[in-house]
């Protein structure tokens, strides 16, 4: 495995740089069915081309240690719980819950995970909403999904 950095005069390409940041083009997302993939369809950066904005899925282009984080914002009387899945296995959850807040208030939740992935392992977020009519996520710049290879 190559050592990265200027001290060893190695290019970034040999270090297999991978990273993405995605957000939603929609101002809000609501009423998704339980266990639906949450699709962040606007790519800000996608070095290594691991994230697919049409499916909401990240596929590891290389084996290695990866860090993922996602932030979801919702508002009073709504909630939007999500799970991060690694090859369809739940790894972590995120639960912004605005029920009980006074009007015009918002709440966000952020979760992060560190995982060792094999090449072609898959990562995506799904809803865990139960009663979908109360589920709501603000999109645009407010809710994001990102990850990178360490």
Protein backbone atom coordinates (compact mmCIF):
# COMPACT_ATOMS: atom_id res chain seq x y z
CA UNK A 1 0.00 0.00 0.00
CA UNK A 2 1.50 3.37 -0.98
CA UNK A 3 2.33 5.98 1.62
CA UNK A 4 0.63 9.29 0.84
CA UNK A 5 2.09 12.74 1.28
CA UNK A 6 4.68 15.15 -0.05
CA UNK A 7 7.44 13.68 2.09
CA UNK A 8 7.26 10.55 -0.06
CA UNK A 9 6.60 12.44 -3.31
CA UNK A 10 3.45 10.43 -3.98
CA UNK A 11 0.50 11.69 -6.00
CA UNK A 12 -3.03 11.79 -4.58
CA UNK A 13 -4.19 9.38 -7.27
CA UNK A 14 -1.97 6.64 -5.92
CA UNK A 15 -3.56 7.23 -2.51
CA UNK A 16 -6.98 6.26 -3.91
CA UNK A 17 -8.76 9.38 -2.66
CA UNK A 18 -12.51 8.88 -2.21
CA UNK A 19 -15.05 11.33 -0.83
CA UNK A 20 -18.51 12.69 -1.45
CA UNK A 21 -20.99 15.27 -0.21
CA UNK A 22 -24.59 15.16 -1.37
CA UNK A 23 -27.76 17.12 -0.58
CA UNK A 24 -31.34 17.14 -1.81
CA UNK A 25 -32.52 19.35 -4.66
CA UNK A 26 -35.98 19.37 -3.06
CA UNK A 27 -36.83 21.89 -0.36
CA UNK A 28 -38.52 19.14 1.60
CA UNK A 29 -39.11 15.42 1.53
CA UNK A 30 -42.12 13.89 3.24
CA UNK A 31 -44.38 10.87 3.32
CA UNK A 32 -41.75 8.34 2.24
CA UNK A 33 -42.65 4.75 2.94
CA UNK A 34 -40.91 2.99 5.81
CA UNK A 35 -37.48 1.60 4.81
CA UNK A 36 -37.32 3.75 1.66
CA UNK A 37 -33.88 4.85 0.52
CA UNK A 38 -33.30 8.54 1.25
CA UNK A 39 -31.91 9.96 -1.98
CA UNK A 40 -29.67 13.00 -1.83
CA UNK A 41 -29.80 13.82 -5.53
CA UNK A 42 -27.45 16.82 -5.74
CA UNK A 43 -23.75 16.07 -5.64
CA UNK A 44 -21.47 18.78 -4.26
CA UNK A 45 -18.34 16.65 -4.65
CA UNK A 46 -17.84 13.00 -5.61
CA UNK A 47 -14.13 12.22 -5.80
CA UNK A 48 -13.73 8.59 -6.79
CA UNK A 49 -17.32 8.42 -8.14
CA UNK A 50 -18.56 6.22 -5.29
CA UNK A 51 -21.87 7.99 -4.68
CA UNK A 52 -24.78 7.55 -7.11
CA UNK A 53 -27.24 10.49 -6.88
CA UNK A 54 -29.92 8.56 -8.76
CA UNK A 55 -30.05 5.70 -6.22
CA UNK A 56 -28.74 7.36 -3.04
CA UNK A 57 -26.18 4.61 -2.69
CA UNK A 58 -22.44 4.76 -2.09
CA UNK A 59 -20.38 1.85 -3.46
CA UNK A 60 -16.82 1.65 -2.17
CA UNK A 61 -14.43 1.79 -5.11
CA UNK A 62 -11.57 0.49 -2.92
CA UNK A 63 -11.10 -1.49 0.27
CA UNK A 64 -10.30 0.65 3.30
CA UNK A 65 -11.44 2.58 6.35
CA UNK A 66 -14.33 4.99 5.63
CA UNK A 67 -16.07 7.70 7.64
CA UNK A 68 -19.73 8.60 6.95
CA UNK A 69 -21.89 11.30 8.46
CA UNK A 70 -25.38 12.58 7.82
CA UNK A 71 -27.49 15.40 9.18
CA UNK A 72 -31.28 15.59 8.97
CA UNK A 73 -33.37 18.61 9.95
CA UNK A 74 -37.10 18.56 10.59
CA UNK A 75 -39.56 20.93 12.29
CA UNK A 76 -42.25 21.09 14.96
CA UNK A 77 -44.78 18.24 14.93
CA UNK A 78 -42.66 16.21 12.45
CA UNK A 79 -39.82 13.71 12.64
CA UNK A 80 -37.53 11.87 10.21
CA UNK A 81 -35.64 8.88 11.65
CA UNK A 82 -33.10 7.19 9.40
CA UNK A 83 -30.73 4.22 9.48
CA UNK A 84 -27.38 3.83 7.76
CA UNK A 85 -27.06 0.41 6.13
CA UNK A 86 -23.86 -1.40 5.22
CA UNK A 87 -24.68 -4.13 2.69
CA UNK A 88 -28.30 -4.01 3.94
CA UNK A 89 -27.31 -4.39 7.62
CA UNK A 90 -28.32 -1.56 9.97
CA UNK A 91 -25.24 0.06 11.51
CA UNK A 92 -26.50 3.28 13.08
CA UNK A 93 -29.56 5.48 13.40
CA UNK A 94 -30.44 9.16 13.46
CA UNK A 95 -33.67 10.50 14.99
CA UNK A 96 -34.57 14.20 14.68
CA UNK A 97 -37.95 14.51 16.42
CA UNK A 98 -39.82 17.82 16.36
CA UNK A 99 -42.98 16.49 17.95
CA UNK A 100 -43.74 18.55 21.02
CA UNK A 101 -41.87 21.65 19.82
CA UNK A 102 -43.70 24.94 19.60
CA UNK A 103 -44.46 26.22 16.11
CA UNK A 104 -41.72 27.58 13.86
CA UNK A 105 -39.04 25.58 15.68
CA UNK A 106 -36.66 23.13 14.02
CA UNK A 107 -34.57 20.24 15.24
CA UNK A 108 -31.62 18.47 13.65
CA UNK A 109 -29.74 15.27 14.33
CA UNK A 110 -26.32 14.18 13.12
CA UNK A 111 -24.81 10.72 13.23
CA UNK A 112 -21.38 9.46 12.17
CA UNK A 113 -19.89 6.02 11.65
CA UNK A 114 -16.48 4.57 10.93
CA UNK A 115 -16.45 1.35 8.92
CA UNK A 116 -13.94 -0.89 7.21
CA UNK A 117 -15.32 -1.58 3.73
CA UNK A 118 -14.31 -4.04 1.08
CA UNK A 119 -14.34 -2.87 -2.53
CA UNK A 120 -17.95 -2.86 -3.82
CA UNK A 121 -19.50 -2.74 -0.33
CA UNK A 122 -22.66 -0.64 -0.32
CA UNK A 123 -23.78 2.14 2.02
CA UNK A 124 -27.12 3.95 1.98
CA UNK A 125 -29.67 5.60 4.25
CA UNK A 126 -33.22 4.41 4.73
CA UNK A 127 -36.23 5.81 6.51
CA UNK A 128 -37.48 4.28 9.71
CA UNK A 129 -40.66 6.26 9.91
CA UNK A 130 -43.41 3.97 11.09
CA UNK A 131 -46.27 6.40 10.51
CA UNK A 132 -45.14 8.12 7.31
CA UNK A 133 -47.61 11.03 7.47
CA UNK A 134 -45.53 12.65 10.24
CA UNK A 135 -42.17 12.19 8.52
CA UNK A 136 -40.62 15.32 7.02
CA UNK A 137 -37.05 16.29 6.10
CA UNK A 138 -35.89 19.72 5.03
CA UNK A 139 -33.75 19.45 1.91
CA UNK A 140 -31.51 21.95 0.17
CA UNK A 141 -28.53 22.96 2.29
CA UNK A 142 -30.11 21.73 5.53
CA UNK A 143 -29.82 17.94 5.26
CA UNK A 144 -26.69 16.29 3.89
CA UNK A 145 -24.97 12.92 3.50
CA UNK A 146 -21.20 12.59 3.14
CA UNK A 147 -18.36 10.14 3.45
CA UNK A 148 -14.70 9.67 2.70
CA UNK A 149 -11.92 7.10 2.75
CA UNK A 150 -9.33 7.67 5.44
